[in-house]
């Protein structure tokens, strides 16, 4: 599986590392050093992309045209629209056309109406920052090797296209992931640390400076991946985490 994946990724700067030789790579100033944990789901998505476009590079090129034409607010709108589709919320409340991000989030919050998770009061959290460890990698490794993919710092948002995952189990499509990563890269200088078939791990270069800014970022994370609140009592606790810690962990069930 690693050999097949590395063959598809040969147009990128990659290194194949045997499981027994793996150590967590140092973070580079001018590069994203991304741990790619091979999986058959990722391989299958790449194969589908290549079948449609002729090569992975062509797929990335064509998807980037869409990425560069999609406002991030429109992407959040599309994600929320898909989540509201099969709810019994009144039709007029589901309408998102012309709404700002605040309106989009308010519509999304109707799914959890009355849930304490939506409490926005800034609250102290003691949750520690996630650290990638050799054990974390070994526990998720499906092969006897893994790939370290390096991308130029400005091109990090291309990672969800080179390593497509998602589009199922409430995980956004790779093209939507790319737009949102681009948005966070520009706003918070995020670096991409790792990807698996169901996980992205980023490290922020800067943190939100006010409660209101942290709360909006927490809302964006919650739309992107509702499971970010699995380890937190409320949105307010998660906003506090984002003001204190740099690592953002997204996992889809």
C-alpha atoms as a PDB file:
ATOM      1  CA  UNK A   1       0.000   0.000   0.000  1.00  0.00           C
ATOM      2  CA  UNK A   2       2.799   2.461   0.843  1.00  0.00           C
ATOM      3  CA  UNK A   3       4.503   1.699  -2.445  1.00  0.00           C
ATOM      4  CA  UNK A   4       1.301   2.434  -4.390  1.00  0.00           C
ATOM      5  CA  UNK A   5       0.666   5.652  -2.484  1.00  0.00           C
ATOM      6  CA  UNK A   6       4.239   6.864  -2.881  1.00  0.00           C
ATOM      7  CA  UNK A   7       4.044   6.177  -6.606  1.00  0.00           C
ATOM      8  CA  UNK A   8       0.990   8.439  -6.885  1.00  0.00           C
ATOM      9  CA  UNK A   9       2.718  11.112  -4.776  1.00  0.00           C
ATOM     10  CA  UNK A  10       5.996  10.977  -6.703  1.00  0.00           C
ATOM     11  CA  UNK A  11       5.467  14.513  -8.039  1.00  0.00           C
ATOM     12  CA  UNK A  12       5.713  15.780  -4.458  1.00  0.00           C
ATOM     13  CA  UNK A  13       8.650  15.869  -2.097  1.00  0.00           C
ATOM     14  CA  UNK A  14       8.156  12.659  -0.106  1.00  0.00           C
ATOM     15  CA  UNK A  15      10.105  10.239   2.022  1.00  0.00           C
ATOM     16  CA  UNK A  16       9.064   6.691   2.864  1.00  0.00           C
ATOM     17  CA  UNK A  17       9.966   5.712   6.424  1.00  0.00           C
ATOM     18  CA  UNK A  18       9.943   2.160   7.759  1.00  0.00           C
ATOM     19  CA  UNK A  19       7.785   1.768  10.851  1.00  0.00           C
ATOM     20  CA  UNK A  20      10.699   0.620  12.973  1.00  0.00           C
ATOM     21  CA  UNK A  21      12.765   3.668  11.965  1.00  0.00           C
ATOM     22  CA  UNK A  22      10.049   6.243  12.526  1.00  0.00           C
ATOM     23  CA  UNK A  23      10.566   9.239  14.786  1.00  0.00           C
ATOM     24  CA  UNK A  24       8.329  12.294  14.916  1.00  0.00           C
ATOM     25  CA  UNK A  25       9.848  14.730  12.380  1.00  0.00           C
ATOM     26  CA  UNK A  26      10.978  18.152  13.512  1.00  0.00           C
ATOM     27  CA  UNK A  27       8.773  21.054  12.439  1.00  0.00           C
ATOM     28  CA  UNK A  28      10.450  23.045   9.664  1.00  0.00           C
ATOM     29  CA  UNK A  29      10.186  26.805   9.334  1.00  0.00           C
ATOM     30  CA  UNK A  30       9.630  26.881   5.573  1.00  0.00           C
ATOM     31  CA  UNK A  31       7.840  23.556   4.992  1.00  0.00           C
ATOM     32  CA  UNK A  32       4.864  21.512   6.034  1.00  0.00           C
ATOM     33  CA  UNK A  33       6.256  18.120   7.046  1.00  0.00           C
ATOM     34  CA  UNK A  34       3.103  16.017   6.940  1.00  0.00           C
ATOM     35  CA  UNK A  35       2.879  12.512   8.304  1.00  0.00           C
ATOM     36  CA  UNK A  36       0.711  10.501   5.926  1.00  0.00           C
ATOM     37  CA  UNK A  37      -0.521   7.319   7.564  1.00  0.00           C
ATOM     38  CA  UNK A  38      -1.403   5.024   4.666  1.00  0.00           C
ATOM     39  CA  UNK A  39      -4.886   3.537   4.462  1.00  0.00           C
ATOM     40  CA  UNK A  40      -6.897   1.746   1.812  1.00  0.00           C
ATOM     41  CA  UNK A  41      -9.550   4.480   1.977  1.00  0.00           C
ATOM     42  CA  UNK A  42      -6.996   7.146   1.003  1.00  0.00           C
ATOM     43  CA  UNK A  43      -5.588   4.902  -1.707  1.00  0.00           C
ATOM     44  CA  UNK A  44      -9.079   4.256  -3.089  1.00  0.00           C
ATOM     45  CA  UNK A  45      -9.884   7.974  -3.215  1.00  0.00           C
ATOM     46  CA  UNK A  46      -6.619   8.708  -5.030  1.00  0.00           C
ATOM     47  CA  UNK A  47      -7.306   5.913  -7.513  1.00  0.00           C
ATOM     48  CA  UNK A  48     -10.778   7.341  -8.205  1.00  0.00           C
ATOM     49  CA  UNK A  49      -9.279  10.804  -8.736  1.00  0.00           C
ATOM     50  CA  UNK A  50      -6.657   9.426 -11.131  1.00  0.00           C
ATOM     51  CA  UNK A  51      -9.275   7.433 -13.047  1.00  0.00           C
ATOM     52  CA  UNK A  52     -11.288  10.624 -13.570  1.00  0.00           C
ATOM     53  CA  UNK A  53      -8.469  13.076 -14.285  1.00  0.00           C
ATOM     54  CA  UNK A  54      -5.612  10.968 -15.680  1.00  0.00           C
ATOM     55  CA  UNK A  55      -3.118  11.721 -12.924  1.00  0.00           C
ATOM     56  CA  UNK A  56      -3.108  12.922  -9.342  1.00  0.00           C
ATOM     57  CA  UNK A  57      -1.356  16.143 -10.419  1.00  0.00           C
ATOM     58  CA  UNK A  58      -4.142  16.863 -12.927  1.00  0.00           C
ATOM     59  CA  UNK A  59      -6.758  16.201 -10.245  1.00  0.00           C
ATOM     60  CA  UNK A  60      -5.032  18.637  -7.867  1.00  0.00           C
ATOM     61  CA  UNK A  61      -4.692  21.265 -10.609  1.00  0.00           C
ATOM     62  CA  UNK A  62      -8.376  21.051 -11.550  1.00  0.00           C
ATOM     63  CA  UNK A  63      -9.553  21.061  -7.932  1.00  0.00           C
ATOM     64  CA  UNK A  64      -7.408  24.107  -7.177  1.00  0.00           C
ATOM     65  CA  UNK A  65      -9.302  26.058  -9.828  1.00  0.00           C
ATOM     66  CA  UNK A  66     -12.470  25.418  -7.811  1.00  0.00           C
ATOM     67  CA  UNK A  67     -10.693  26.132  -4.498  1.00  0.00           C
ATOM     68  CA  UNK A  68      -9.520  29.547  -5.708  1.00  0.00           C
ATOM     69  CA  UNK A  69     -13.039  30.439  -6.828  1.00  0.00           C
ATOM     70  CA  UNK A  70     -14.863  29.426  -3.652  1.00  0.00           C
ATOM     71  CA  UNK A  71     -15.270  31.940  -0.809  1.00  0.00           C
ATOM     72  CA  UNK A  72     -14.799  30.248   2.557  1.00  0.00           C
ATOM     73  CA  UNK A  73     -18.173  31.560   3.759  1.00  0.00           C
ATOM     74  CA  UNK A  74     -19.805  29.768   0.835  1.00  0.00           C
ATOM     75  CA  UNK A  75     -18.071  26.541   1.836  1.00  0.00           C
ATOM     76  CA  UNK A  76     -19.381  26.794   5.410  1.00  0.00           C
ATOM     77  CA  UNK A  77     -22.805  27.505   3.894  1.00  0.00           C
ATOM     78  CA  UNK A  78     -22.649  24.349   1.757  1.00  0.00           C
ATOM     79  CA  UNK A  79     -21.518  22.186   4.670  1.00  0.00           C
ATOM     80  CA  UNK A  80     -24.294  23.453   6.945  1.00  0.00           C
ATOM     81  CA  UNK A  81     -26.881  23.115   4.183  1.00  0.00           C
ATOM     82  CA  UNK A  82     -25.981  19.436   3.796  1.00  0.00           C
ATOM     83  CA  UNK A  83     -26.248  18.894   7.578  1.00  0.00           C
ATOM     84  CA  UNK A  84     -29.683  20.543   7.737  1.00  0.00           C
ATOM     85  CA  UNK A  85     -31.033  18.636   4.768  1.00  0.00           C
ATOM     86  CA  UNK A  86     -32.514  15.697   6.664  1.00  0.00           C
ATOM     87  CA  UNK A  87     -33.560  17.495   9.844  1.00  0.00           C
ATOM     88  CA  UNK A  88     -37.135  18.447  10.738  1.00  0.00           C
ATOM     89  CA  UNK A  89     -36.184  22.112  11.156  1.00  0.00           C
ATOM     90  CA  UNK A  90     -38.610  24.473   9.423  1.00  0.00           C
ATOM     91  CA  UNK A  91     -37.741  25.222   5.801  1.00  0.00           C
ATOM     92  CA  UNK A  92     -37.421  28.983   6.280  1.00  0.00           C
ATOM     93  CA  UNK A  93     -34.882  28.441   9.072  1.00  0.00           C
ATOM     94  CA  UNK A  94     -32.850  26.177   6.794  1.00  0.00           C
ATOM     95  CA  UNK A  95     -32.496  28.874   4.127  1.00  0.00           C
ATOM     96  CA  UNK A  96     -28.910  30.171   4.161  1.00  0.00           C
ATOM     97  CA  UNK A  97     -28.856  32.329   1.043  1.00  0.00           C
ATOM     98  CA  UNK A  98     -27.364  35.754   1.679  1.00  0.00           C
ATOM     99  CA  UNK A  99     -26.607  34.998   5.320  1.00  0.00           C
ATOM    100  CA  UNK A 100     -23.323  35.989   6.940  1.00  0.00           C
ATOM    101  CA  UNK A 101     -21.214  33.475   8.840  1.00  0.00           C
ATOM    102  CA  UNK A 102     -23.113  34.396  12.008  1.00  0.00           C
ATOM    103  CA  UNK A 103     -26.404  33.504  10.329  1.00  0.00           C
ATOM    104  CA  UNK A 104     -24.968  30.281   8.924  1.00  0.00           C
ATOM    105  CA  UNK A 105     -23.762  29.240  12.381  1.00  0.00           C
ATOM    106  CA  UNK A 106     -27.113  30.143  13.962  1.00  0.00           C
ATOM    107  CA  UNK A 107     -28.862  27.831  11.492  1.00  0.00           C
ATOM    108  CA  UNK A 108     -26.337  25.082  12.214  1.00  0.00           C
ATOM    109  CA  UNK A 109     -26.794  25.505  15.965  1.00  0.00           C
ATOM    110  CA  UNK A 110     -30.489  24.596  15.623  1.00  0.00           C
ATOM    111  CA  UNK A 111     -29.393  20.968  15.279  1.00  0.00           C
ATOM    112  CA  UNK A 112     -28.111  21.125  18.880  1.00  0.00           C
ATOM    113  CA  UNK A 113     -30.729  23.527  20.220  1.00  0.00           C
ATOM    114  CA  UNK A 114     -30.821  23.344  24.017  1.00  0.00           C
ATOM    115  CA  UNK A 115     -27.578  21.367  24.219  1.00  0.00           C
ATOM    116  CA  UNK A 116     -25.066  22.609  26.809  1.00  0.00           C
ATOM    117  CA  UNK A 117     -22.362  22.102  24.167  1.00  0.00           C
ATOM    118  CA  UNK A 118     -23.440  25.395  22.587  1.00  0.00           C
ATOM    119  CA  UNK A 119     -22.766  27.420  25.738  1.00  0.00           C
ATOM    120  CA  UNK A 120     -20.532  30.269  24.549  1.00  0.00           C
ATOM    121  CA  UNK A 121     -19.435  31.571  27.936  1.00  0.00           C
ATOM    122  CA  UNK A 122     -15.637  31.622  28.070  1.00  0.00           C
ATOM    123  CA  UNK A 123     -14.690  28.944  30.599  1.00  0.00           C
ATOM    124  CA  UNK A 124     -11.312  27.774  31.849  1.00  0.00           C
ATOM    125  CA  UNK A 125     -10.193  24.463  30.379  1.00  0.00           C
ATOM    126  CA  UNK A 126      -7.348  22.290  31.577  1.00  0.00           C
ATOM    127  CA  UNK A 127      -7.198  20.221  28.405  1.00  0.00           C
ATOM    128  CA  UNK A 128      -3.590  19.834  27.299  1.00  0.00           C
ATOM    129  CA  UNK A 129      -2.399  20.297  23.743  1.00  0.00           C
ATOM    130  CA  UNK A 130      -2.341  17.106  21.672  1.00  0.00           C
ATOM    131  CA  UNK A 131       1.139  15.763  20.886  1.00  0.00           C
ATOM    132  CA  UNK A 132       1.938  13.368  18.058  1.00  0.00           C
ATOM    133  CA  UNK A 133       3.840  10.488  19.598  1.00  0.00           C
ATOM    134  CA  UNK A 134       5.444   7.417  18.110  1.00  0.00           C
ATOM    135  CA  UNK A 135       2.826   5.332  19.962  1.00  0.00           C
ATOM    136  CA  UNK A 136      -0.032   7.342  18.418  1.00  0.00           C
ATOM    137  CA  UNK A 137       1.400   6.637  14.973  1.00  0.00           C
ATOM    138  CA  UNK A 138       2.101   2.954  15.619  1.00  0.00           C
ATOM    139  CA  UNK A 139      -1.436   2.399  16.928  1.00  0.00           C
ATOM    140  CA  UNK A 140      -2.884   3.701  13.648  1.00  0.00           C
ATOM    141  CA  UNK A 141      -0.415   2.285  11.164  1.00  0.00           C
ATOM    142  CA  UNK A 142      -1.944  -0.147   8.673  1.00  0.00           C
ATOM    143  CA  UNK A 143       1.351  -0.931   6.937  1.00  0.00           C
ATOM    144  CA  UNK A 144       4.988  -1.458   7.823  1.00  0.00           C
ATOM    145  CA  UNK A 145       5.927   2.052   6.623  1.00  0.00           C
ATOM    146  CA  UNK A 146       4.549   5.560   6.339  1.00  0.00           C
ATOM    147  CA  UNK A 147       5.120   8.646   4.206  1.00  0.00           C
ATOM    148  CA  UNK A 148       6.433  12.080   5.125  1.00  0.00           C
ATOM    149  CA  UNK A 149       5.088  14.579   2.580  1.00  0.00           C
ATOM    150  CA  UNK A 150       6.700  18.017   2.411  1.00  0.00           C
ATOM    151  CA  UNK A 151       4.899  20.980   0.875  1.00  0.00           C
ATOM    152  CA  UNK A 152       6.075  24.600   0.583  1.00  0.00           C
ATOM    153  CA  UNK A 153       4.695  26.708   3.406  1.00  0.00           C
ATOM    154  CA  UNK A 154       2.354  28.639   1.104  1.00  0.00           C
ATOM    155  CA  UNK A 155       0.954  25.458  -0.441  1.00  0.00           C
ATOM    156  CA  UNK A 156      -0.224  23.698   2.694  1.00  0.00           C
ATOM    157  CA  UNK A 157      -3.863  24.071   1.714  1.00  0.00           C
ATOM    158  CA  UNK A 158      -3.178  21.738  -1.227  1.00  0.00           C
ATOM    159  CA  UNK A 159      -2.615  18.818   1.163  1.00  0.00           C
ATOM    160  CA  UNK A 160      -6.292  17.725   1.260  1.00  0.00           C
ATOM    161  CA  UNK A 161      -6.114  17.373  -2.528  1.00  0.00           C
ATOM    162  CA  UNK A 162      -2.839  15.467  -2.688  1.00  0.00           C
ATOM    163  CA  UNK A 163      -4.045  13.206   0.143  1.00  0.00           C
ATOM    164  CA  UNK A 164      -7.819  13.149  -0.325  1.00  0.00           C
ATOM    165  CA  UNK A 165      -9.925  11.837   2.506  1.00  0.00           C
ATOM    166  CA  UNK A 166     -13.480  12.632   3.544  1.00  0.00           C
ATOM    167  CA  UNK A 167     -16.733  13.246   1.763  1.00  0.00           C
ATOM    168  CA  UNK A 168     -18.375  10.696   4.063  1.00  0.00           C
ATOM    169  CA  UNK A 169     -19.274  10.327   7.774  1.00  0.00           C
ATOM    170  CA  UNK A 170     -19.854  14.115   8.010  1.00  0.00           C
ATOM    171  CA  UNK A 171     -16.264  14.803   6.920  1.00  0.00           C
ATOM    172  CA  UNK A 172     -16.278  17.571   4.272  1.00  0.00           C
ATOM    173  CA  UNK A 173     -15.193  16.919   0.699  1.00  0.00           C
ATOM    174  CA  UNK A 174     -11.463  17.414   0.006  1.00  0.00           C
ATOM    175  CA  UNK A 175     -12.154  20.566  -2.041  1.00  0.00           C
ATOM    176  CA  UNK A 176     -14.040  22.086   0.927  1.00  0.00           C
ATOM    177  CA  UNK A 177     -11.251  21.051   3.284  1.00  0.00           C
ATOM    178  CA  UNK A 178      -8.753  22.799   1.034  1.00  0.00           C
ATOM    179  CA  UNK A 179     -10.709  26.081   1.036  1.00  0.00           C
ATOM    180  CA  UNK A 180     -11.045  26.040   4.838  1.00  0.00           C
ATOM    181  CA  UNK A 181      -7.384  25.136   5.384  1.00  0.00           C
ATOM    182  CA  UNK A 182      -6.434  28.033   3.088  1.00  0.00           C
ATOM    183  CA  UNK A 183      -8.599  30.347   5.194  1.00  0.00           C
ATOM    184  CA  UNK A 184      -6.975  29.190   8.453  1.00  0.00           C
ATOM    185  CA  UNK A 185      -3.523  29.284   6.904  1.00  0.00           C
ATOM    186  CA  UNK A 186      -4.010  32.943   5.993  1.00  0.00           C
ATOM    187  CA  UNK A 187      -5.609  33.849   9.335  1.00  0.00           C
ATOM    188  CA  UNK A 188      -3.522  31.774  11.767  1.00  0.00           C
ATOM    189  CA  UNK A 189      -0.493  30.540   9.849  1.00  0.00           C
ATOM    190  CA  UNK A 190      -1.356  26.898  10.454  1.00  0.00           C
ATOM    191  CA  UNK A 191       1.044  24.114   9.621  1.00  0.00           C
ATOM    192  CA  UNK A 192      -0.190  20.657   8.721  1.00  0.00           C
ATOM    193  CA  UNK A 193       1.313  17.939  10.894  1.00  0.00           C
ATOM    194  CA  UNK A 194      -0.486  14.699  10.013  1.00  0.00           C
ATOM    195  CA  UNK A 195      -3.303  13.070   8.086  1.00  0.00           C
ATOM    196  CA  UNK A 196      -4.977   9.670   8.366  1.00  0.00           C
ATOM    197  CA  UNK A 197      -8.143   8.324   6.752  1.00  0.00           C
ATOM    198  CA  UNK A 198     -10.230  10.094   9.416  1.00  0.00           C
ATOM    199  CA  UNK A 199      -7.958  12.734  11.007  1.00  0.00           C
ATOM    200  CA  UNK A 200      -6.198  16.035  10.320  1.00  0.00           C
ATOM    201  CA  UNK A 201      -3.776  17.585  12.792  1.00  0.00           C
ATOM    202  CA  UNK A 202      -2.709  21.223  12.416  1.00  0.00           C
ATOM    203  CA  UNK A 203      -0.510  23.542  14.430  1.00  0.00           C
ATOM    204  CA  UNK A 204      -1.442  27.215  14.605  1.00  0.00           C
ATOM    205  CA  UNK A 205       1.267  29.826  14.096  1.00  0.00           C
ATOM    206  CA  UNK A 206      -0.789  32.335  16.088  1.00  0.00           C
ATOM    207  CA  UNK A 207      -3.749  32.183  18.464  1.00  0.00           C
ATOM    208  CA  UNK A 208      -6.973  34.194  18.623  1.00  0.00           C
ATOM    209  CA  UNK A 209      -6.408  37.220  20.819  1.00  0.00           C
ATOM    210  CA  UNK A 210      -9.913  37.918  22.111  1.00  0.00           C
ATOM    211  CA  UNK A 211     -12.785  35.806  23.382  1.00  0.00           C
ATOM    212  CA  UNK A 212     -14.960  36.898  20.447  1.00  0.00           C
ATOM    213  CA  UNK A 213     -12.295  35.912  17.914  1.00  0.00           C
ATOM    214  CA  UNK A 214     -11.719  32.583  19.680  1.00  0.00           C
ATOM    215  CA  UNK A 215     -15.447  31.920  19.771  1.00  0.00           C
ATOM    216  CA  UNK A 216     -15.821  32.514  16.021  1.00  0.00           C
ATOM    217  CA  UNK A 217     -12.869  30.200  15.357  1.00  0.00           C
ATOM    218  CA  UNK A 218     -14.431  27.569  17.647  1.00  0.00           C
ATOM    219  CA  UNK A 219     -17.665  27.873  15.660  1.00  0.00           C
ATOM    220  CA  UNK A 220     -15.754  27.368  12.396  1.00  0.00           C
ATOM    221  CA  UNK A 221     -14.072  24.277  13.853  1.00  0.00           C
ATOM    222  CA  UNK A 222     -17.441  22.960  15.067  1.00  0.00           C
ATOM    223  CA  UNK A 223     -18.954  23.267  11.589  1.00  0.00           C
ATOM    224  CA  UNK A 224     -15.862  21.724  10.003  1.00  0.00           C
ATOM    225  CA  UNK A 225     -15.812  18.830  12.484  1.00  0.00           C
ATOM    226  CA  UNK A 226     -18.485  18.502  15.160  1.00  0.00           C
ATOM    227  CA  UNK A 227     -16.313  16.016  17.052  1.00  0.00           C
ATOM    228  CA  UNK A 228     -13.896  18.749  18.199  1.00  0.00           C
ATOM    229  CA  UNK A 229     -16.224  19.179  21.181  1.00  0.00           C
ATOM    230  CA  UNK A 230     -15.986  15.526  22.235  1.00  0.00           C
ATOM    231  CA  UNK A 231     -13.297  16.435  24.773  1.00  0.00           C
ATOM    232  CA  UNK A 232     -14.859  19.709  25.939  1.00  0.00           C
ATOM    233  CA  UNK A 233     -17.970  20.518  27.989  1.00  0.00           C
ATOM    234  CA  UNK A 234     -18.924  23.466  25.782  1.00  0.00           C
ATOM    235  CA  UNK A 235     -17.981  25.774  22.931  1.00  0.00           C
ATOM    236  CA  UNK A 236     -16.781  28.313  25.505  1.00  0.00           C
ATOM    237  CA  UNK A 237     -14.322  25.774  26.939  1.00  0.00           C
ATOM    238  CA  UNK A 238     -13.054  25.002  23.441  1.00  0.00           C
ATOM    239  CA  UNK A 239     -12.620  28.716  22.667  1.00  0.00           C
ATOM    240  CA  UNK A 240     -10.492  28.963  25.820  1.00  0.00           C
ATOM    241  CA  UNK A 241      -8.392  26.025  24.566  1.00  0.00           C
ATOM    242  CA  UNK A 242      -7.799  27.803  21.247  1.00  0.00           C
ATOM    243  CA  UNK A 243      -6.505  30.871  23.095  1.00  0.00           C
ATOM    244  CA  UNK A 244      -4.039  28.728  25.087  1.00  0.00           C
ATOM    245  CA  UNK A 245      -2.912  25.899  22.802  1.00  0.00           C
ATOM    246  CA  UNK A 246      -1.588  25.645  19.254  1.00  0.00           C
ATOM    247  CA  UNK A 247      -2.504  22.121  18.081  1.00  0.00           C
ATOM    248  CA  UNK A 248      -5.890  21.607  16.397  1.00  0.00           C
ATOM    249  CA  UNK A 249      -7.071  17.988  16.225  1.00  0.00           C
ATOM    250  CA  UNK A 250      -9.896  17.042  13.875  1.00  0.00           C
ATOM    251  CA  UNK A 251     -11.283  13.524  13.891  1.00  0.00           C
ATOM    252  CA  UNK A 252     -14.435  12.174  12.241  1.00  0.00           C
ATOM    253  CA  UNK A 253     -16.277   9.139  13.553  1.00  0.00           C
END
